[in-house]
Amino acid sequence: MNRPLSLTALILIALVHAGCAAPVPSPSPEPALGAADLPRAGGCADAVLYAVNEAQDLAVVVTWPQAATRAATAGEFEGERQLPADDVSVRLQVGRQLSTLLCNDVLMEGAEVLAETEALEGTARIRIVPQGNDPLFPTGQAHLVLTNVVFEFGSGESAERWRIDRLEWQDINVGWLPG
């Protein structure tokens, strides 16, 4: 189910995140976010993976430092973390033109993150197979699975929870790529 966010909803989420109280707590949207909601996936660096909705106003961003380097060094890298984790970041972002802010050296006018929150719970699992053998500029194909991930914007009774039951990315290029 594709749920485009209206500008009003974006502003409400940003205000809740900034500390302005909403009158009633909001349950997690039903159904949970999934691949149909976030169909545009990509990756870069060592290692950043993301999925963005068609409107580019909602994104899930995963940062797993040194994963591509570990894959290049060991021939493959597999890891699993319970969230939140000190060494892995899984964030939900709300904003405008979000895909232009991710893995892009050219910033676009009007693109911005209005609100962002780190996962409170869940599991992240990654597997990277190296593409080449240059440890100075590692590249690879990543497979990432997020399960039972919960995010929260705001706090207390004004909190709005979002969840991902399962979101899977396959064959995503990561590493130091030209362009």
C-alpha atoms as a PDB file:
ATOM      1  CA  MET A   1       0.000   0.000   0.000  1.00  0.00           C
ATOM      2  CA  ASN A   2       1.510   3.288  -1.037  1.00  0.00           C
ATOM      3  CA  ARG A   3       0.821   6.068   1.482  1.00  0.00           C
ATOM      4  CA  PRO A   4       2.013   9.401   0.124  1.00  0.00           C
ATOM      5  CA  LEU A   5       2.543  11.959   2.855  1.00  0.00           C
ATOM      6  CA  SER A   6       0.885  15.306   2.427  1.00  0.00           C
ATOM      7  CA  LEU A   7       2.723  18.518   3.245  1.00  0.00           C
ATOM      8  CA  THR A   8       0.405  18.923   6.245  1.00  0.00           C
ATOM      9  CA  ALA A   9       1.419  15.485   7.564  1.00  0.00           C
ATOM     10  CA  LEU A  10       5.095  16.311   7.040  1.00  0.00           C
ATOM     11  CA  ILE A  11       4.755  19.546   8.977  1.00  0.00           C
ATOM     12  CA  LEU A  12       2.846  17.767  11.765  1.00  0.00           C
ATOM     13  CA  ILE A  13       5.563  15.111  12.058  1.00  0.00           C
ATOM     14  CA  ALA A  14       8.275  17.790  12.088  1.00  0.00           C
ATOM     15  CA  LEU A  15       6.437  19.744  14.790  1.00  0.00           C
ATOM     16  CA  VAL A  16       5.897  16.643  16.909  1.00  0.00           C
ATOM     17  CA  HIS A  17       9.564  15.795  16.505  1.00  0.00           C
ATOM     18  CA  ALA A  18      10.500  19.332  17.531  1.00  0.00           C
ATOM     19  CA  GLY A  19       8.584  18.979  20.773  1.00  0.00           C
ATOM     20  CA  CYS A  20       5.180  20.508  20.025  1.00  0.00           C
ATOM     21  CA  ALA A  21       2.591  18.220  21.588  1.00  0.00           C
ATOM     22  CA  ALA A  22      -0.165  16.636  19.532  1.00  0.00           C
ATOM     23  CA  PRO A  23      -3.431  16.228  21.433  1.00  0.00           C
ATOM     24  CA  VAL A  24      -3.757  12.433  21.042  1.00  0.00           C
ATOM     25  CA  PRO A  25      -1.065   9.753  20.760  1.00  0.00           C
ATOM     26  CA  SER A  26      -0.915   8.150  17.352  1.00  0.00           C
ATOM     27  CA  PRO A  27      -0.744   4.367  16.927  1.00  0.00           C
ATOM     28  CA  SER A  28       1.601   2.848  14.403  1.00  0.00           C
ATOM     29  CA  PRO A  29       0.184   3.267  10.896  1.00  0.00           C
ATOM     30  CA  GLU A  30      -1.445   0.129   9.517  1.00  0.00           C
ATOM     31  CA  PRO A  31      -0.233  -1.736   7.680  1.00  0.00           C
ATOM     32  CA  ALA A  32       3.454  -1.465   8.557  1.00  0.00           C
ATOM     33  CA  LEU A  33       5.865   0.143   6.090  1.00  0.00           C
ATOM     34  CA  GLY A  34       7.097  -2.288   3.467  1.00  0.00           C
ATOM     35  CA  ALA A  35       8.715  -2.620   0.066  1.00  0.00           C
ATOM     36  CA  ALA A  36       5.633  -1.257  -1.730  1.00  0.00           C
ATOM     37  CA  ASP A  37       5.874   1.931   0.365  1.00  0.00           C
ATOM     38  CA  LEU A  38       9.625   2.371  -0.211  1.00  0.00           C
ATOM     39  CA  PRO A  39      10.282   1.074  -3.758  1.00  0.00           C
ATOM     40  CA  ARG A  40      13.352   3.156  -4.629  1.00  0.00           C
ATOM     41  CA  ALA A  41      16.469   1.608  -3.089  1.00  0.00           C
ATOM     42  CA  GLY A  42      20.145   2.401  -3.434  1.00  0.00           C
ATOM     43  CA  GLY A  43      23.463   2.394  -1.709  1.00  0.00           C
ATOM     44  CA  CYS A  44      26.986   3.756  -1.602  1.00  0.00           C
ATOM     45  CA  ALA A  45      29.991   4.306   0.619  1.00  0.00           C
ATOM     46  CA  ASP A  46      31.182   1.857   3.237  1.00  0.00           C
ATOM     47  CA  ALA A  47      28.228   1.142   3.643  1.00  0.00           C
ATOM     48  CA  VAL A  48      25.036   3.204   3.335  1.00  0.00           C
ATOM     49  CA  LEU A  49      21.785   1.695   2.073  1.00  0.00           C
ATOM     50  CA  TYR A  50      18.462   3.463   1.692  1.00  0.00           C
ATOM     51  CA  ALA A  51      14.891   3.034   0.487  1.00  0.00           C
ATOM     52  CA  VAL A  52      12.695   5.996  -0.446  1.00  0.00           C
ATOM     53  CA  ASN A  53       9.025   6.291  -1.337  1.00  0.00           C
ATOM     54  CA  GLU A  54       7.954   7.568  -4.776  1.00  0.00           C
ATOM     55  CA  ALA A  55       7.154  11.035  -3.407  1.00  0.00           C
ATOM     56  CA  GLN A  56      10.690  11.194  -1.944  1.00  0.00           C
ATOM     57  CA  ASP A  57       9.327  12.460   1.382  1.00  0.00           C
ATOM     58  CA  LEU A  58       9.920   9.301   3.434  1.00  0.00           C
ATOM     59  CA  ALA A  59      13.134   7.250   3.641  1.00  0.00           C
ATOM     60  CA  VAL A  60      14.753   4.502   5.665  1.00  0.00           C
ATOM     61  CA  VAL A  61      18.546   4.910   5.822  1.00  0.00           C
ATOM     62  CA  VAL A  62      20.935   2.262   7.137  1.00  0.00           C
ATOM     63  CA  THR A  63      24.584   3.028   7.862  1.00  0.00           C
ATOM     64  CA  TRP A  64      26.849   0.054   8.566  1.00  0.00           C
ATOM     65  CA  PRO A  65      30.406   1.453   8.823  1.00  0.00           C
ATOM     66  CA  GLN A  66      33.263  -0.536   7.272  1.00  0.00           C
ATOM     67  CA  ALA A  67      31.004  -3.337   6.000  1.00  0.00           C
ATOM     68  CA  ALA A  68      32.257  -3.084   2.384  1.00  0.00           C
ATOM     69  CA  THR A  69      35.878  -2.969   3.579  1.00  0.00           C
ATOM     70  CA  ARG A  70      35.325  -6.070   5.723  1.00  0.00           C
ATOM     71  CA  ALA A  71      33.803  -7.841   2.713  1.00  0.00           C
ATOM     72  CA  ALA A  72      36.758  -6.897   0.498  1.00  0.00           C
ATOM     73  CA  THR A  73      39.232  -8.068   3.133  1.00  0.00           C
ATOM     74  CA  ALA A  74      37.508 -11.333   4.123  1.00  0.00           C
ATOM     75  CA  GLY A  75      35.904 -12.282   0.795  1.00  0.00           C
ATOM     76  CA  GLU A  76      32.425 -11.634   2.202  1.00  0.00           C
ATOM     77  CA  PHE A  77      30.824  -9.902   5.171  1.00  0.00           C
ATOM     78  CA  GLU A  78      27.760 -10.950   7.150  1.00  0.00           C
ATOM     79  CA  GLY A  79      26.460  -9.194  10.215  1.00  0.00           C
ATOM     80  CA  GLU A  80      23.380  -8.985  12.384  1.00  0.00           C
ATOM     81  CA  ARG A  81      22.526  -6.380  15.006  1.00  0.00           C
ATOM     82  CA  GLN A  82      19.732  -5.892  17.483  1.00  0.00           C
ATOM     83  CA  LEU A  83      18.597  -2.274  17.332  1.00  0.00           C
ATOM     84  CA  PRO A  84      19.489   0.182  18.541  1.00  0.00           C
ATOM     85  CA  ALA A  85      23.167  -0.632  18.086  1.00  0.00           C
ATOM     86  CA  ASP A  86      26.265   1.456  18.746  1.00  0.00           C
ATOM     87  CA  ASP A  87      27.912   0.531  15.444  1.00  0.00           C
ATOM     88  CA  VAL A  88      24.909   0.435  13.071  1.00  0.00           C
ATOM     89  CA  SER A  89      22.392   3.195  12.402  1.00  0.00           C
ATOM     90  CA  VAL A  90      18.844   2.622  11.106  1.00  0.00           C
ATOM     91  CA  ARG A  91      16.943   5.892  10.669  1.00  0.00           C
ATOM     92  CA  LEU A  92      13.540   6.979   9.399  1.00  0.00           C
ATOM     93  CA  GLN A  93      13.603  10.353   7.660  1.00  0.00           C
ATOM     94  CA  VAL A  94      10.790  12.672   6.620  1.00  0.00           C
ATOM     95  CA  GLY A  95      11.533  15.540   4.260  1.00  0.00           C
ATOM     96  CA  ARG A  96      11.619  16.750   0.672  1.00  0.00           C
ATOM     97  CA  GLN A  97      13.493  15.251  -2.280  1.00  0.00           C
ATOM     98  CA  LEU A  98      15.199  12.809   0.098  1.00  0.00           C
ATOM     99  CA  SER A  99      16.740  10.621  -2.607  1.00  0.00           C
ATOM    100  CA  THR A 100      18.801  13.596  -3.778  1.00  0.00           C
ATOM    101  CA  LEU A 101      20.396  13.813  -0.317  1.00  0.00           C
ATOM    102  CA  LEU A 102      21.446  10.162  -0.261  1.00  0.00           C
ATOM    103  CA  CYS A 103      24.622   8.935  -1.976  1.00  0.00           C
ATOM    104  CA  ASN A 104      24.810  12.043  -4.098  1.00  0.00           C
ATOM    105  CA  ASP A 105      27.666  14.527  -4.417  1.00  0.00           C
ATOM    106  CA  VAL A 106      25.396  17.186  -5.927  1.00  0.00           C
ATOM    107  CA  LEU A 107      22.910  18.768  -3.540  1.00  0.00           C
ATOM    108  CA  MET A 108      19.587  19.897  -4.995  1.00  0.00           C
ATOM    109  CA  GLU A 109      17.828  23.100  -4.011  1.00  0.00           C
ATOM    110  CA  GLY A 110      14.828  22.444  -1.778  1.00  0.00           C
ATOM    111  CA  ALA A 111      16.005  19.022  -0.646  1.00  0.00           C
ATOM    112  CA  GLU A 112      15.981  18.665   3.128  1.00  0.00           C
ATOM    113  CA  VAL A 113      15.368  16.350   6.047  1.00  0.00           C
ATOM    114  CA  LEU A 114      12.561  17.819   8.169  1.00  0.00           C
ATOM    115  CA  ALA A 115      12.609  15.125  10.859  1.00  0.00           C
ATOM    116  CA  GLU A 116      14.659  12.034  11.583  1.00  0.00           C
ATOM    117  CA  THR A 117      14.597   9.352  14.239  1.00  0.00           C
ATOM    118  CA  GLU A 118      16.717   6.310  15.075  1.00  0.00           C
ATOM    119  CA  ALA A 119      15.186   2.823  15.351  1.00  0.00           C
ATOM    120  CA  LEU A 120      14.127   1.913  18.894  1.00  0.00           C
ATOM    121  CA  GLU A 121      14.039  -1.827  18.350  1.00  0.00           C
ATOM    122  CA  GLY A 122      14.254  -4.510  15.703  1.00  0.00           C
ATOM    123  CA  THR A 123      16.896  -6.451  13.818  1.00  0.00           C
ATOM    124  CA  ALA A 124      19.175  -5.510  10.916  1.00  0.00           C
ATOM    125  CA  ARG A 125      20.963  -8.234   8.954  1.00  0.00           C
ATOM    126  CA  ILE A 126      23.426  -7.580   6.120  1.00  0.00           C
ATOM    127  CA  ARG A 127      25.477  -9.638   3.691  1.00  0.00           C
ATOM    128  CA  ILE A 128      27.968  -8.046   1.300  1.00  0.00           C
ATOM    129  CA  VAL A 129      29.765  -9.909  -1.475  1.00  0.00           C
ATOM    130  CA  PRO A 130      32.755  -7.938  -2.793  1.00  0.00           C
ATOM    131  CA  GLN A 131      32.902  -6.874  -6.425  1.00  0.00           C
ATOM    132  CA  GLY A 132      36.612  -6.606  -7.071  1.00  0.00           C
ATOM    133  CA  ASN A 133      39.532  -6.890  -4.712  1.00  0.00           C
ATOM    134  CA  ASP A 134      40.699  -3.345  -4.046  1.00  0.00           C
ATOM    135  CA  PRO A 135      40.691  -2.801  -0.251  1.00  0.00           C
ATOM    136  CA  LEU A 136      41.376   0.936  -0.768  1.00  0.00           C
ATOM    137  CA  PHE A 137      38.174   1.403  -2.794  1.00  0.00           C
ATOM    138  CA  PRO A 138      35.951  -1.514  -1.779  1.00  0.00           C
ATOM    139  CA  THR A 139      32.735  -2.183  -3.671  1.00  0.00           C
ATOM    140  CA  GLY A 140      30.173  -4.917  -3.292  1.00  0.00           C
ATOM    141  CA  GLN A 141      26.627  -6.155  -3.651  1.00  0.00           C
ATOM    142  CA  ALA A 142      24.634  -5.860  -0.442  1.00  0.00           C
ATOM    143  CA  HIS A 143      21.614  -7.773   0.766  1.00  0.00           C
ATOM    144  CA  LEU A 144      19.931  -6.142   3.778  1.00  0.00           C
ATOM    145  CA  VAL A 145      16.932  -7.298   5.786  1.00  0.00           C
ATOM    146  CA  LEU A 146      15.200  -5.243   8.482  1.00  0.00           C
ATOM    147  CA  THR A 147      12.687  -7.047  10.704  1.00  0.00           C
ATOM    148  CA  ASN A 148      10.365  -5.833  13.460  1.00  0.00           C
ATOM    149  CA  VAL A 149      11.853  -2.339  13.406  1.00  0.00           C
ATOM    150  CA  VAL A 150      10.075   0.396  15.367  1.00  0.00           C
ATOM    151  CA  PHE A 151      10.640   4.156  15.072  1.00  0.00           C
ATOM    152  CA  GLU A 152       9.119   6.906  17.179  1.00  0.00           C
ATOM    153  CA  PHE A 153       8.679  10.606  16.402  1.00  0.00           C
ATOM    154  CA  GLY A 154       8.055  12.801  19.426  1.00  0.00           C
ATOM    155  CA  SER A 155       7.781  11.575  22.989  1.00  0.00           C
ATOM    156  CA  GLY A 156       5.226  10.786  25.662  1.00  0.00           C
ATOM    157  CA  GLU A 157       1.578  10.962  24.690  1.00  0.00           C
ATOM    158  CA  SER A 158       2.400  12.898  21.531  1.00  0.00           C
ATOM    159  CA  ALA A 159       4.590  10.110  20.164  1.00  0.00           C
ATOM    160  CA  GLU A 160       3.862   8.671  16.748  1.00  0.00           C
ATOM    161  CA  ARG A 161       5.194   5.161  16.139  1.00  0.00           C
ATOM    162  CA  TRP A 162       6.099   3.731  12.749  1.00  0.00           C
ATOM    163  CA  ARG A 163       7.088   0.135  12.158  1.00  0.00           C
ATOM    164  CA  ILE A 164       8.577  -2.168   9.575  1.00  0.00           C
ATOM    165  CA  ASP A 165       7.662  -5.838   9.894  1.00  0.00           C
ATOM    166  CA  ARG A 166      10.086  -6.834   7.136  1.00  0.00           C
ATOM    167  CA  LEU A 167      11.929  -4.811   4.522  1.00  0.00           C
ATOM    168  CA  GLU A 168      14.477  -6.465   2.258  1.00  0.00           C
ATOM    169  CA  TRP A 169      16.945  -4.970  -0.197  1.00  0.00           C
ATOM    170  CA  GLN A 170      18.807  -7.193  -2.647  1.00  0.00           C
ATOM    171  CA  ASP A 171      21.736  -6.577  -4.989  1.00  0.00           C
ATOM    172  CA  ILE A 172      22.365  -3.011  -3.832  1.00  0.00           C
ATOM    173  CA  ASN A 173      25.708  -1.526  -4.886  1.00  0.00           C
ATOM    174  CA  VAL A 174      27.770  -0.249  -1.978  1.00  0.00           C
ATOM    175  CA  GLY A 175      31.304   1.006  -1.669  1.00  0.00           C
ATOM    176  CA  TRP A 176      33.255   3.804  -3.239  1.00  0.00           C
ATOM    177  CA  LEU A 177      31.706   4.094  -6.680  1.00  0.00           C
ATOM    178  CA  PRO A 178      32.492   6.658  -9.382  1.00  0.00           C
ATOM    179  CA  GLY A 179      30.060   9.511  -9.801  1.00  0.00           C
END
